[in-house]
Protein backbone atom coordinates (compact mmCIF):
# COMPACT_ATOMS: atom_id res chain seq x y z
CA MET A 1 2.00 -31.55 -32.19
CA SER A 2 0.83 -34.93 -33.52
CA SER A 3 3.07 -37.02 -35.78
CA GLU A 4 2.73 -37.45 -39.46
CA GLU A 5 1.52 -41.03 -38.96
CA PHE A 6 -1.14 -39.76 -36.57
CA GLU A 7 -2.42 -37.35 -39.12
CA LYS A 8 -2.56 -40.11 -41.83
CA LEU A 9 -4.53 -42.28 -39.41
CA HIS A 10 -6.75 -39.27 -38.62
CA GLU A 11 -7.52 -38.85 -42.30
CA ALA A 12 -8.18 -42.61 -42.79
CA TYR A 13 -10.53 -42.55 -39.86
CA GLY A 14 -12.55 -39.64 -41.35
CA GLY A 15 -12.99 -41.63 -44.63
CA ILE A 16 -14.11 -44.69 -42.79
CA TYR A 17 -16.45 -42.84 -40.51
CA GLU A 18 -18.21 -41.15 -43.45
CA GLU A 19 -18.64 -44.47 -45.21
CA LEU A 20 -19.96 -45.99 -41.97
CA ARG A 21 -22.36 -43.12 -41.43
CA CYS A 22 -23.70 -43.35 -44.89
CA GLN A 23 -24.29 -47.15 -44.62
CA CYS A 24 -26.09 -46.62 -41.27
CA GLU A 25 -28.42 -44.10 -42.83
CA ARG A 26 -29.24 -46.52 -45.67
CA VAL A 27 -30.00 -49.52 -43.49
CA PRO A 28 -33.56 -48.75 -42.44
CA SER A 29 -34.70 -48.44 -46.03
CA CYS A 30 -33.11 -51.71 -47.23
CA PRO A 31 -34.94 -55.02 -47.70
CA GLY A 32 -34.03 -58.13 -45.57
CA GLU A 33 -31.06 -59.67 -47.24
CA GLN A 34 -29.55 -56.33 -48.28
CA LYS A 35 -29.96 -55.12 -44.73
CA LYS A 36 -28.04 -58.04 -43.39
CA ARG A 37 -25.25 -57.48 -45.87
CA PHE A 38 -25.05 -53.89 -44.86
CA LEU A 39 -24.99 -54.82 -41.18
CA ARG A 40 -22.11 -57.10 -41.87
CA GLU A 41 -20.25 -54.33 -43.74
CA ILE A 42 -21.02 -52.00 -40.87
CA ASP A 43 -19.53 -54.40 -38.37
CA GLU A 44 -16.40 -54.62 -40.58
CA LYS A 45 -16.23 -50.83 -40.80
CA VAL A 46 -16.53 -50.61 -37.07
CA GLU A 47 -13.68 -52.95 -36.66
CA GLU A 48 -11.54 -51.08 -39.11
CA ALA A 49 -12.38 -47.79 -37.39
CA ASN A 50 -11.39 -49.30 -34.03
CA GLU A 51 -8.19 -50.56 -35.38
CA ILE A 52 -7.35 -47.08 -36.80
CA LEU A 53 -8.22 -45.51 -33.35
CA ASP A 54 -5.89 -48.06 -31.69
CA GLY A 55 -3.11 -47.04 -34.08
CA MET A 56 -3.85 -43.30 -33.27
CA GLU A 57 -3.59 -44.15 -29.55
CA LYS A 58 -0.11 -45.73 -30.10
CA GLU A 59 1.02 -42.61 -32.00
CA MET A 60 -0.41 -40.45 -29.30
CA ARG A 61 2.09 -41.79 -26.69
CA ASN A 62 5.05 -40.10 -28.45
CA ALA A 63 3.35 -36.62 -28.58
CA PRO A 64 4.16 -33.91 -26.06
CA LEU A 65 1.87 -33.84 -22.98
CA LEU A 66 -0.15 -30.70 -24.02
CA TYR A 67 -1.11 -32.25 -27.42
CA ARG A 68 -1.43 -35.75 -25.99
CA ASN A 69 -4.33 -34.67 -23.78
CA GLN A 70 -6.11 -33.06 -26.81
CA MET A 71 -5.48 -36.12 -28.95
CA ASN A 72 -6.75 -38.46 -26.19
CA ILE A 73 -9.95 -36.34 -25.84
CA LYS A 74 -10.38 -36.51 -29.71
CA ILE A 75 -9.86 -40.25 -29.86
CA ARG A 76 -12.44 -40.94 -27.04
CA SER A 77 -14.93 -38.83 -28.91
CA TYR A 78 -14.31 -40.76 -32.04
CA ARG A 79 -14.91 -44.04 -30.16
CA LYS A 80 -18.12 -42.73 -28.80
CA ASP A 81 -19.29 -41.68 -32.20
CA VAL A 82 -18.56 -45.08 -33.74
CA SER A 83 -20.25 -46.76 -30.85
CA LYS A 84 -23.30 -44.45 -31.24
CA LEU A 85 -23.60 -45.20 -34.87
CA GLN A 86 -23.40 -48.93 -34.17
CA ARG A 87 -25.88 -48.66 -31.35
CA ASP A 88 -28.32 -46.55 -33.34
CA VAL A 89 -28.40 -49.00 -36.29
CA ARG A 90 -28.82 -51.90 -33.93
CA SER A 91 -31.65 -50.27 -32.09
CA ASN A 92 -33.48 -49.89 -35.50
CA ASP A 93 -32.78 -53.42 -36.63
CA ILE A 94 -35.49 -55.99 -35.72
CA GLU A 95 -34.60 -58.68 -38.20
CA TYR A 96 -31.00 -59.07 -37.34
CA GLY A 97 -31.65 -61.42 -34.44
CA VAL A 98 -29.95 -62.63 -31.26
CA ARG A 99 -26.60 -63.05 -32.97
CA SER A 100 -26.42 -59.40 -34.04
CA ASP A 101 -27.49 -58.19 -30.49
CA PHE A 102 -24.80 -60.21 -28.92
CA LYS A 103 -22.13 -58.94 -31.32
CA TYR A 104 -23.29 -55.43 -30.69
CA ALA A 105 -22.97 -55.94 -26.97
CA VAL A 106 -19.44 -57.35 -27.37
CA TYR A 107 -18.47 -54.37 -29.48
CA SER A 108 -20.04 -51.91 -27.03
CA ALA A 109 -18.17 -53.52 -24.18
CA GLU A 110 -14.92 -53.51 -26.23
CA ASN A 111 -15.47 -49.74 -26.98
CA GLU A 112 -16.18 -48.93 -23.30
CA GLN A 113 -13.14 -50.94 -22.21
CA SER A 114 -10.99 -49.36 -24.80
CA SER A 115 -12.13 -45.90 -23.71
CA HIS A 116 -11.32 -46.84 -20.03
CA LEU A 117 -7.96 -48.18 -20.99
CA SER A 118 -7.21 -45.01 -23.05
CA SER A 119 -8.11 -42.83 -20.01
CA GLN A 120 -5.89 -44.99 -17.77
CA ARG A 121 -2.95 -44.77 -20.34
CA ALA A 122 -3.39 -41.08 -20.55
CA LEU A 123 -3.28 -40.88 -16.69
CA LEU A 124 -0.16 -43.06 -16.67
CA LEU A 125 1.46 -40.95 -19.27
CA GLN A 126 0.75 -37.79 -17.29
CA GLY A 127 2.22 -39.44 -14.09
CA THR A 128 5.25 -40.53 -16.07
CA ASP A 129 5.71 -37.04 -17.38
CA SER A 130 5.31 -35.57 -13.94
CA LEU A 131 7.94 -38.03 -12.61
CA ASN A 132 10.34 -37.09 -15.42
CA ARG A 133 9.94 -33.40 -14.57
CA ALA A 134 10.52 -34.15 -10.82
CA THR A 135 13.62 -36.16 -11.72
CA GLN A 136 14.89 -33.34 -13.79
CA SER A 137 14.22 -30.94 -11.02
CA ILE A 138 16.12 -33.21 -8.56
CA ASP A 139 19.04 -33.30 -11.03
CA ARG A 140 19.12 -29.52 -11.29
CA SER A 141 19.01 -29.36 -7.47
CA HIS A 142 21.94 -31.77 -7.34
CA ARG A 143 23.96 -29.70 -9.78
CA ILE A 144 23.22 -26.55 -7.93
CA ALA A 145 24.20 -28.17 -4.62
CA ALA A 146 27.47 -29.41 -6.23
CA GLU A 147 28.21 -25.95 -7.54
CA THR A 148 27.41 -24.48 -4.13
CA ASP A 149 29.71 -26.96 -2.38
CA GLN A 150 32.47 -26.10 -4.81
CA ILE A 151 32.02 -22.43 -4.28
CA GLY A 152 32.09 -23.08 -0.55
CA SER A 153 35.23 -25.16 -0.82
CA ASP A 154 36.90 -22.30 -2.85
CA ILE A 155 35.78 -19.70 -0.29
CA ILE A 156 37.15 -21.83 2.55
CA GLU A 157 40.47 -22.32 0.67
CA GLU A 158 40.71 -18.55 0.05
CA LEU A 159 39.94 -17.80 3.67
CA GLY A 160 42.69 -20.26 4.73
CA GLU A 161 45.15 -18.35 2.44
CA GLN A 162 43.98 -15.05 3.93
CA ARG A 163 44.43 -16.54 7.48
CA GLU A 164 48.05 -17.51 6.64
CA GLN A 165 48.69 -14.14 5.23
CA LEU A 166 47.33 -12.50 8.39
CA GLU A 167 49.45 -14.85 10.51
CA ARG A 168 52.53 -13.89 8.54
CA SER A 169 51.64 -10.17 8.82
CA LYS A 170 51.16 -10.74 12.67
CA ASP A 171 54.56 -12.39 12.89
CA ARG A 172 56.10 -9.50 10.94
CA LEU A 173 54.40 -7.04 13.33
CA ILE A 174 55.71 -9.02 16.38
CA ASN A 175 59.21 -8.94 14.83
CA THR A 176 58.92 -5.21 14.12
CA GLY A 177 57.72 -4.62 17.76
CA GLU A 178 60.76 -6.58 19.02
CA ASN A 179 63.09 -4.69 16.70
CA LEU A 180 61.59 -1.30 17.91
CA SER A 181 62.08 -2.44 21.51
CA ARG A 182 65.79 -3.33 20.84
CA SER A 183 66.20 -0.02 19.02
CA ARG A 184 64.73 1.93 22.05
CA LYS A 185 67.07 0.09 24.39
CA ILE A 186 70.04 0.90 22.11
CA LEU A 187 68.95 4.48 21.96
CA ARG A 188 68.62 4.74 25.73
CA ALA A 189 72.01 3.12 26.18
CA MET A 190 73.53 5.57 23.67
CA SER A 191 71.81 8.51 25.41
CA ARG A 192 73.39 7.37 28.76
CA ARG A 193 76.78 7.04 27.17
CA VAL A 194 76.39 10.56 25.70
CA MET A 195 75.45 12.01 29.16
CA THR A 196 78.35 10.17 30.76
CA ASN A 197 80.75 11.44 28.19
CA LYS A 198 79.38 14.92 28.66
CA LEU A 199 79.81 14.65 32.47
CA LEU A 200 83.35 13.24 32.06
CA LEU A 201 84.17 16.17 29.64
CA GLY A 202 82.88 18.65 32.12
CA ILE A 203 84.90 17.15 34.90
CA ILE A 204 88.01 17.10 32.75
CA ILE A 205 87.43 20.72 31.74
CA LEU A 206 86.98 21.75 35.46
CA LEU A 207 90.20 19.92 36.39
CA GLU A 208 92.14 21.58 33.58
CA VAL A 209 90.79 25.01 34.69
CA ALA A 210 91.79 24.17 38.27
CA ILE A 211 95.27 23.11 37.26
CA LEU A 212 95.68 26.13 35.14
CA GLY A 213 94.58 28.37 38.02
CA ALA A 214 97.00 26.65 40.35
CA VAL A 215 99.88 27.13 37.87
CA VAL A 216 99.03 30.81 37.51
CA TYR A 217 98.82 31.21 41.18
CA LEU A 218 102.15 29.49 41.82
CA LYS A 219 103.90 31.30 39.05
CA PHE A 220 102.66 34.87 39.70
CA PHE A 221 101.46 35.20 43.24
CA ARG A 222 103.55 32.79 45.31
CA LYS A 223 106.83 34.69 44.78
CA HIS A 224 105.56 37.83 46.48
């Protein structure tokens, strides 16, 4: 969207152009001296119109790219219109002389040069805008890369903590296995002691039975 100043300049140009057009239409029907005065006024109006268009170009630089292209096309069209009015009135003027032809050529060259510079400025502004967008895209890529790097660091740190937990779990399993091995050894030793105790108890019982049998034999059967 164009600025408020651009709109004011646009309205001022419209008024100047209408005055310029009316004066150009009146030139062919004017007598010599009046025609010269009109031609001088036309030259002044052309200068004023070009100054207004220069101001519009300055305002155009601050507009967004989409509207900037439209404004640039409009300004170039206005310059062509002014140049055409001046060219037409000069082509119909025979009495104005060499001085007028030279001044017209200068203005035409200035208008063409201004149009060329305007086109170059528009291209430069487009390039600058593209460069700004590329810079913003690079900045976003840098931010994403930084966020990704941070996420990667967090994941690596979390994996490190999980590794430590797994190593501690492994150590606990190893300790548990060792404890189970010692428990099995203790149980086997206890089992052997139980079997040994049972065997000793059986032997003691047999000895007691033998002694009891011997006592009975000696007490009851030996006397006969």
